[in-house]
Protein backbone atom coordinates (compact mmCIF):
# COMPACT_ATOMS: atom_id res chain seq x y z
CA MET A 1 5.44 75.69 -6.73
CA GLU A 2 3.05 75.00 -9.62
CA PHE A 3 1.33 71.61 -9.55
CA GLY A 4 -1.17 72.15 -12.35
CA LEU A 5 -0.75 70.94 -15.93
CA THR A 6 -0.59 73.41 -18.78
CA ASP A 7 -3.45 73.66 -21.26
CA GLU A 8 -1.28 71.84 -23.82
CA GLN A 9 -0.53 69.01 -21.41
CA ARG A 10 -4.20 68.60 -20.56
CA GLN A 11 -5.01 68.51 -24.25
CA ILE A 12 -2.36 65.86 -24.86
CA ARG A 13 -3.85 63.74 -22.09
CA GLU A 14 -7.37 64.05 -23.47
CA GLU A 15 -6.25 63.13 -27.00
CA ILE A 16 -4.46 60.05 -25.72
CA GLN A 17 -7.52 59.00 -23.74
CA ARG A 18 -9.64 59.12 -26.89
CA PHE A 19 -6.99 57.28 -28.90
CA ALA A 20 -6.58 54.57 -26.25
CA GLU A 21 -10.28 53.99 -25.77
CA ASN A 22 -10.90 53.72 -29.51
CA GLU A 23 -7.77 51.93 -30.73
CA ILE A 24 -6.03 50.17 -27.82
CA VAL A 25 -8.72 48.86 -25.48
CA PRO A 26 -10.68 46.87 -28.10
CA GLN A 27 -7.54 44.97 -29.20
CA ALA A 28 -5.46 44.79 -26.02
CA ALA A 29 -6.46 41.28 -24.94
CA GLU A 30 -5.86 39.87 -28.43
CA TYR A 31 -2.34 41.25 -28.73
CA ASP A 32 -1.54 40.02 -25.22
CA ARG A 33 -2.76 36.47 -25.87
CA GLU A 34 -1.04 36.19 -29.23
CA GLU A 35 2.16 37.93 -28.09
CA LYS A 36 2.33 39.91 -31.31
CA PHE A 37 3.64 43.40 -31.96
CA PRO A 38 0.82 45.90 -32.68
CA HIS A 39 2.17 47.37 -35.91
CA ASP A 40 -1.16 48.86 -36.94
CA ILE A 41 -1.68 50.67 -33.64
CA VAL A 42 1.91 51.93 -33.62
CA ASP A 43 1.40 53.33 -37.11
CA GLU A 44 -1.69 55.20 -35.92
CA ALA A 45 0.22 56.48 -32.88
CA ALA A 46 2.96 57.74 -35.21
CA GLU A 47 0.41 59.88 -37.03
CA MET A 48 -0.36 61.53 -33.68
CA GLY A 49 3.31 62.22 -33.04
CA LEU A 50 3.58 59.70 -30.20
CA THR A 51 6.53 57.80 -31.65
CA GLY A 52 9.69 59.72 -30.94
CA ALA A 53 7.67 62.28 -29.03
CA HIS A 54 10.80 63.64 -27.33
CA ILE A 55 12.82 63.91 -30.55
CA PRO A 56 13.53 67.59 -31.34
CA MET A 57 11.29 69.25 -33.91
CA GLU A 58 14.21 69.96 -36.23
CA TYR A 59 14.48 66.20 -36.73
CA GLY A 60 10.78 65.62 -37.24
CA GLY A 61 9.76 64.94 -33.65
CA ALA A 62 7.25 66.70 -31.42
CA GLY A 63 9.99 68.07 -29.17
CA TYR A 64 8.14 67.19 -25.99
CA SER A 65 9.89 67.62 -22.64
CA ILE A 66 10.61 64.73 -20.29
CA LEU A 67 7.61 65.80 -18.22
CA ASP A 68 5.40 65.84 -21.32
CA THR A 69 6.53 62.35 -22.29
CA ALA A 70 5.95 61.14 -18.72
CA ILE A 71 2.34 62.31 -18.99
CA ILE A 72 1.98 60.55 -22.36
CA THR A 73 3.52 57.36 -20.97
CA GLU A 74 1.34 57.37 -17.87
CA GLU A 75 -1.84 57.78 -19.87
CA LEU A 76 -1.02 55.08 -22.43
CA PHE A 77 0.03 52.61 -19.75
CA SER A 78 -3.21 53.16 -17.86
CA TYR A 79 -5.02 51.43 -20.74
CA ASP A 80 -2.64 48.64 -21.73
CA PRO A 81 1.05 48.42 -20.79
CA GLY A 82 2.05 46.00 -23.57
CA ILE A 83 0.75 48.12 -26.42
CA ALA A 84 1.81 51.29 -24.63
CA LEU A 85 5.40 50.08 -24.41
CA SER A 86 5.33 49.19 -28.09
CA ILE A 87 4.44 52.81 -28.84
CA VAL A 88 6.72 54.72 -26.47
CA SER A 89 9.76 52.47 -27.06
CA THR A 90 9.88 52.99 -30.83
CA SER A 91 12.60 55.58 -30.17
CA PHE A 92 14.38 53.58 -27.46
CA GLY A 93 18.11 54.24 -27.75
CA CYS A 94 17.66 57.49 -29.64
CA GLU A 95 18.52 59.39 -26.46
CA ALA A 96 22.19 58.56 -27.04
CA ILE A 97 22.04 59.91 -30.58
CA MET A 98 20.20 63.04 -29.44
CA ASN A 99 22.72 63.77 -26.69
CA PHE A 100 26.01 62.63 -28.22
CA GLY A 101 25.47 61.95 -31.92
CA THR A 102 26.76 63.88 -34.91
CA GLU A 103 24.50 65.97 -37.13
CA ASP A 104 24.68 63.25 -39.78
CA GLN A 105 23.63 60.59 -37.26
CA LYS A 106 20.71 62.69 -36.06
CA GLU A 107 19.45 63.15 -39.60
CA ARG A 108 19.98 59.50 -40.58
CA PHE A 109 18.48 57.87 -37.50
CA LEU A 110 16.21 60.31 -35.66
CA GLU A 111 14.15 61.55 -38.60
CA PRO A 112 12.78 58.16 -39.79
CA VAL A 113 11.90 57.21 -36.19
CA ALA A 114 10.07 60.50 -35.66
CA ARG A 115 8.12 59.90 -38.89
CA GLY A 116 7.14 56.42 -37.73
CA GLU A 117 9.05 54.80 -40.58
CA GLN A 118 11.64 53.03 -38.40
CA ILE A 119 11.91 51.52 -34.92
CA SER A 120 15.05 51.76 -32.79
CA GLY A 121 16.34 49.84 -29.79
CA ALA A 122 19.00 49.96 -27.09
CA ALA A 123 21.13 46.83 -26.80
CA ILE A 124 22.78 46.72 -23.38
CA SER A 125 21.99 43.56 -21.38
CA GLU A 126 23.63 40.25 -22.23
CA PRO A 127 22.95 36.60 -21.29
CA ASP A 128 25.44 36.93 -18.42
CA THR A 129 25.20 40.68 -17.85
CA GLY A 130 22.21 42.40 -16.26
CA SER A 131 22.61 44.78 -13.33
CA ASP A 132 26.41 44.86 -13.72
CA VAL A 133 26.58 46.88 -16.93
CA SER A 134 30.37 47.11 -16.69
CA SER A 135 30.59 43.35 -17.39
CA VAL A 136 29.41 43.75 -20.98
CA SER A 137 31.50 41.47 -23.18
CA THR A 138 30.23 42.25 -26.70
CA ARG A 139 33.33 43.37 -28.60
CA ALA A 140 33.81 45.93 -31.36
CA GLU A 141 37.18 45.94 -33.09
CA LYS A 142 38.39 48.45 -35.63
CA ASP A 143 39.24 47.11 -39.09
CA GLY A 144 40.14 49.91 -41.45
CA ASP A 145 37.19 52.27 -41.64
CA GLU A 146 34.77 49.75 -40.15
CA TRP A 147 33.82 48.31 -36.78
CA VAL A 148 33.53 44.52 -36.52
CA ILE A 149 31.13 43.50 -33.76
CA ASN A 150 30.80 40.11 -32.06
CA GLY A 151 28.64 39.10 -29.11
CA ASN A 152 25.13 38.53 -27.81
CA LYS A 153 22.52 40.82 -26.30
CA MET A 154 19.54 39.58 -24.27
CA TRP A 155 16.10 40.93 -23.32
CA ILE A 156 16.25 43.63 -25.99
CA THR A 157 13.06 45.62 -26.49
CA ASN A 158 12.09 45.77 -30.19
CA GLY A 159 14.75 43.14 -30.86
CA SER A 160 12.99 41.37 -33.73
CA VAL A 161 11.11 44.38 -35.13
CA GLY A 162 13.74 47.12 -34.83
CA ASP A 163 15.51 48.73 -37.78
CA PHE A 164 18.62 49.75 -35.85
CA PHE A 165 20.08 49.41 -32.35
CA VAL A 166 22.42 51.47 -30.20
CA VAL A 167 24.79 48.74 -29.02
CA LEU A 168 27.01 49.02 -25.94
CA CYS A 169 30.34 47.38 -26.80
CA LYS A 170 33.76 46.90 -25.33
CA THR A 171 36.12 48.74 -27.67
CA ASP A 172 39.26 48.74 -25.50
CA PRO A 173 39.58 45.51 -23.48
CA ASP A 174 42.90 46.72 -22.05
CA ALA A 175 41.52 49.98 -20.66
CA GLU A 176 42.34 50.63 -17.01
CA GLY A 177 39.41 51.10 -14.69
CA ARG A 178 36.15 49.17 -14.52
CA TYR A 179 34.14 51.79 -16.38
CA ASN A 180 36.51 52.64 -19.21
CA GLY A 181 36.83 51.22 -22.70
CA PHE A 182 33.14 51.10 -23.69
CA SER A 183 31.55 52.65 -26.77
CA GLN A 184 28.09 52.95 -28.26
CA ILE A 185 27.73 51.99 -31.91
CA VAL A 186 24.66 52.00 -34.14
CA VAL A 187 24.01 48.67 -35.84
CA GLU A 188 21.32 48.39 -38.52
CA SER A 189 19.33 45.15 -38.44
CA ASP A 190 19.89 44.45 -42.14
CA ARG A 191 23.66 44.07 -41.69
CA ASP A 192 25.22 40.72 -42.55
CA GLY A 193 25.88 38.67 -39.43
CA PHE A 194 23.05 40.22 -37.42
CA SER A 195 20.18 38.02 -36.25
CA ALA A 196 17.38 38.26 -33.70
CA GLU A 197 15.30 35.58 -32.01
CA LYS A 198 12.00 36.65 -30.45
CA ILE A 199 11.51 35.72 -26.79
CA THR A 200 8.04 34.37 -25.99
CA GLY A 201 6.34 33.14 -22.84
CA LYS A 202 6.81 36.40 -20.94
CA LEU A 203 4.79 37.01 -17.78
CA GLY A 204 3.58 40.38 -19.04
CA ILE A 205 3.93 43.19 -21.61
CA ARG A 206 3.43 40.48 -24.21
CA ALA A 207 2.52 42.82 -27.06
CA SER A 208 5.92 44.46 -26.74
CA ASP A 209 8.66 42.71 -28.71
CA THR A 210 11.62 41.26 -26.79
CA ALA A 211 14.47 39.32 -28.36
CA GLU A 212 17.99 37.98 -28.14
CA LEU A 213 20.40 39.59 -30.59
CA VAL A 214 23.43 37.90 -32.10
CA PHE A 215 26.33 39.77 -33.70
CA ASP A 216 28.56 37.51 -35.78
CA ASP A 217 31.30 39.59 -37.43
CA VAL A 218 28.82 42.37 -38.08
CA ARG A 219 30.49 45.21 -39.97
CA VAL A 220 29.32 48.81 -39.65
CA PRO A 221 30.99 52.01 -40.87
CA GLU A 222 33.25 54.03 -38.61
CA GLU A 223 30.75 56.89 -38.59
CA ASN A 224 28.23 54.75 -36.67
CA LEU A 225 30.24 55.34 -33.47
CA ILE A 226 28.24 57.60 -31.14
CA GLY A 227 30.16 60.25 -29.24
CA THR A 228 33.67 59.73 -27.94
CA ARG A 229 35.25 56.32 -28.31
CA ASP A 230 35.70 54.41 -25.02
CA ALA A 231 33.61 56.94 -23.06
CA ALA A 232 30.19 55.34 -23.34
CA PHE A 233 29.75 54.14 -19.78
CA MET A 234 29.03 57.62 -18.43
CA GLN A 235 26.87 58.31 -21.48
CA GLN A 236 24.91 55.20 -20.53
CA MET A 237 24.36 56.39 -16.97
CA GLN A 238 22.79 59.60 -18.28
CA PHE A 239 20.54 57.46 -20.47
CA PHE A 240 19.37 55.55 -17.39
CA ASP A 241 18.43 58.76 -15.58
CA GLU A 242 15.94 59.52 -18.35
CA THR A 243 14.63 56.01 -18.90
CA ARG A 244 14.12 55.39 -15.18
CA VAL A 245 11.80 58.38 -15.05
CA ALA A 246 9.98 56.85 -18.01
CA VAL A 247 9.58 53.55 -16.15
CA ALA A 248 8.29 55.46 -13.12
CA ALA A 249 5.63 56.96 -15.39
CA GLN A 250 4.82 53.46 -16.59
CA GLY A 251 4.27 52.39 -13.00
CA VAL A 252 2.00 55.35 -12.33
CA GLY A 253 -0.01 54.49 -15.43
CA ILE A 254 -0.42 50.86 -14.42
CA ALA A 255 -1.54 51.90 -10.93
CA LYS A 256 -3.97 54.41 -12.40
CA GLY A 257 -5.44 51.87 -14.80
CA ALA A 258 -5.76 49.18 -12.14
CA THR A 259 -7.42 51.61 -9.72
CA ARG A 260 -9.85 52.80 -12.37
CA ALA A 261 -10.79 49.22 -13.29
CA ALA A 262 -11.23 48.24 -9.61
CA LEU A 263 -13.41 51.28 -8.95
CA GLU A 264 -15.67 50.49 -11.89
CA TYR A 265 -15.97 46.85 -10.89
CA ALA A 266 -16.68 47.68 -7.25
CA GLN A 267 -19.52 49.97 -8.29
CA ASP A 268 -21.05 47.35 -10.59
CA ARG A 269 -20.57 44.20 -8.49
CA GLU A 270 -23.27 43.42 -5.95
CA GLN A 271 -23.10 41.14 -2.91
CA PHE A 272 -25.49 40.85 0.01
CA GLY A 273 -27.94 43.05 -1.82
CA LYS A 274 -25.71 46.06 -2.43
CA SER A 275 -22.73 47.27 -4.41
CA ILE A 276 -19.43 46.09 -2.92
CA SER A 277 -18.22 49.70 -3.16
CA GLU A 278 -20.46 50.36 -0.16
CA PHE A 279 -18.42 48.03 2.06
CA GLN A 280 -15.81 49.81 4.14
CA ALA A 281 -13.18 47.17 3.44
CA ILE A 282 -13.41 47.89 -0.30
CA GLN A 283 -13.56 51.64 0.25
CA HIS A 284 -10.34 51.52 2.26
CA LYS A 285 -8.59 49.55 -0.47
CA LEU A 286 -9.67 52.03 -3.12
CA ALA A 287 -8.65 54.97 -0.96
CA GLU A 288 -5.17 53.54 -0.37
CA MET A 289 -4.74 52.67 -4.04
CA ALA A 290 -5.67 56.20 -5.14
CA THR A 291 -3.46 57.81 -2.49
CA ASP A 292 -0.42 55.69 -3.37
CA THR A 293 -0.93 56.39 -7.08
CA GLU A 294 -1.11 60.13 -6.49
CA ALA A 295 2.04 60.06 -4.36
CA ALA A 296 3.88 58.11 -7.07
CA ARG A 297 2.64 60.56 -9.70
CA ASN A 298 3.91 63.58 -7.81
CA LEU A 299 7.34 62.04 -7.26
CA THR A 300 7.53 61.00 -10.91
CA TYR A 301 6.53 64.42 -12.20
CA LYS A 302 9.07 66.09 -9.93
CA ALA A 303 11.79 63.74 -11.19
CA ALA A 304 10.78 64.43 -14.80
CA TRP A 305 10.81 68.18 -14.18
CA ASN A 306 14.25 67.92 -12.61
CA VAL A 307 15.58 66.03 -15.63
CA ASP A 308 14.28 68.83 -17.84
CA GLN A 309 16.03 71.37 -15.59
CA GLY A 310 19.21 69.30 -15.26
CA GLU A 311 19.02 69.36 -11.47
CA ASP A 312 19.55 66.55 -8.91
CA ILE A 313 18.66 64.01 -11.59
CA THR A 314 20.09 60.66 -10.54
CA LYS A 315 18.70 60.38 -7.01
CA LEU A 316 15.19 61.54 -7.88
CA ALA A 317 15.04 59.35 -11.00
CA SER A 318 15.88 56.28 -8.94
CA MET A 319 13.50 57.29 -6.16
CA ALA A 320 10.66 57.71 -8.64
CA LYS A 321 11.42 54.46 -10.42
CA GLU A 322 11.68 52.43 -7.21
CA TYR A 323 8.58 53.88 -5.59
CA ALA A 324 6.29 54.01 -8.62
CA SER A 325 7.13 50.44 -9.63
CA ARG A 326 6.39 49.26 -6.09
CA VAL A 327 3.07 51.10 -6.13
CA ALA A 328 2.22 49.57 -9.51
CA VAL A 329 2.72 46.04 -8.18
CA ASP A 330 0.86 46.69 -4.91
CA VAL A 331 -2.08 48.49 -6.53
CA ALA A 332 -2.48 45.87 -9.26
CA ASP A 333 -2.50 43.19 -6.55
CA GLU A 334 -5.27 44.97 -4.66
CA ALA A 335 -7.23 45.48 -7.88
CA VAL A 336 -7.25 41.73 -8.46
CA GLN A 337 -8.32 41.21 -4.84
CA ILE A 338 -11.28 43.55 -5.28
CA HIS A 339 -12.33 41.57 -8.35
CA GLY A 340 -12.10 38.30 -6.44
CA GLY A 341 -12.32 35.25 -8.69
CA ALA A 342 -13.18 37.45 -11.66
CA GLY A 343 -9.76 39.05 -11.38
CA TYR A 344 -8.01 35.71 -11.76
CA VAL A 345 -9.07 35.25 -15.38
CA ASP A 346 -8.59 37.46 -18.42
CA ASP A 347 -12.20 38.61 -18.67
CA PHE A 348 -11.14 41.84 -16.95
CA PRO A 349 -8.04 43.99 -17.54
CA VAL A 350 -6.76 43.76 -13.95
CA GLU A 351 -5.35 40.30 -14.63
CA ARG A 352 -3.19 41.85 -17.35
CA PHE A 353 -2.20 44.84 -15.20
CA TYR A 354 -1.16 42.41 -12.47
CA ARG A 355 1.17 40.54 -14.83
CA ASP A 356 2.44 43.67 -16.56
CA ALA A 357 3.29 45.53 -13.36
CA LYS A 358 6.17 43.30 -12.27
CA ILE A 359 8.51 44.22 -15.11
CA THR A 360 8.69 47.81 -13.85
CA GLN A 361 10.64 46.51 -10.85
CA ILE A 362 13.11 44.73 -13.11
CA TYR A 363 14.03 46.56 -16.32
CA GLU A 364 16.06 49.77 -16.44
CA GLY A 365 17.65 48.72 -13.15
CA THR A 366 16.08 46.48 -10.55
CA THR A 367 14.54 47.74 -7.32
CA GLU A 368 17.68 46.72 -5.49
CA ILE A 369 19.88 48.70 -7.86
CA GLN A 370 17.68 51.78 -7.38
CA LYS A 371 18.10 51.57 -3.62
CA ASN A 372 21.87 51.28 -4.08
CA VAL A 373 21.88 54.40 -6.26
CA ILE A 374 19.72 56.38 -3.82
CA ALA A 375 21.92 55.44 -0.87
CA ARG A 376 25.09 56.24 -2.81
CA GLU A 377 23.76 59.68 -3.72
CA MET A 378 22.74 60.32 -0.11
CA LEU A 379 26.13 59.27 1.23
CA GLY A 380 27.91 61.43 -1.32
CA LYS A 381 25.70 64.52 -1.31
CA GLY A 382 23.57 64.31 1.83
CA PHE A 383 19.82 64.50 2.10
């Protein structure tokens, strides 16, 4: 089994480190405080091919594998999760188009995202629908050669800055079976009847845009339907396998960044006439933080590799997401503890890592949902 990165992957990591240190770190605190989307940094990231990194080259993307994008995500998140999410989520929702879309849809929607000219989003959750995706109530009804969409979506990444969204709708309310009758439809944000209201006051990832979407008799052409009508629920589950690996990589990045910041602080901070890094209590914390981060990284990379190979995807994706997000929260907590009072204010990045870490246990399926998925896979397929 090969654990080493390829020369290309190492080069990607080094380029991102330079980019983050020069462009992200100096502005991270400002974007967090002001809760504003970092358009300028995203534009610069697009020039490096980081927006839509996994979009195939024939549609203008870099064609990176899931493992490649996990490495990119980890590295970006180790510097600032809010700005990092703004960069890596510019193609959010494009997975459905890549996997199930028509050639026309791929050309219309993937290419401008890959070029950094447009931002996409995935609209799934609703005000009353979170973990229970099958309770989605947003409706899409056929009227001639158009779909008419009505409903609300909540907690949508890129909601007020996105150019189009892949919207999960109920297209057959009379369908038998809990998971039947759903479709995915692309809705452009300039359509009449579409509106978005930015959500502020978030605990973390404040630079990333989050909004509530409203669809009031929004009309889109028939050709905006992705894949087979009424078969979107299973399409959505495949989407979650990929995005949960991405969130696992986010967790690894947060843990890495928090550990790095704590190590630097411990070496600089002096108490009782010596660096606090010389105290065994601090050394043990750092050792545990580094060990947990490495374990989360290995599980995440294995899950990403398995997605690329199409093997044993669901269980490993949920394992990686659950474990890496837990490590992110625990490591960020210890990083603040090592900083003491200095970690409780925003003079140091660990305060931001601490706030940002929690979302990894919530979006793309809560920790509890991941455990349900893991147990279900074990009961059905063994261990």
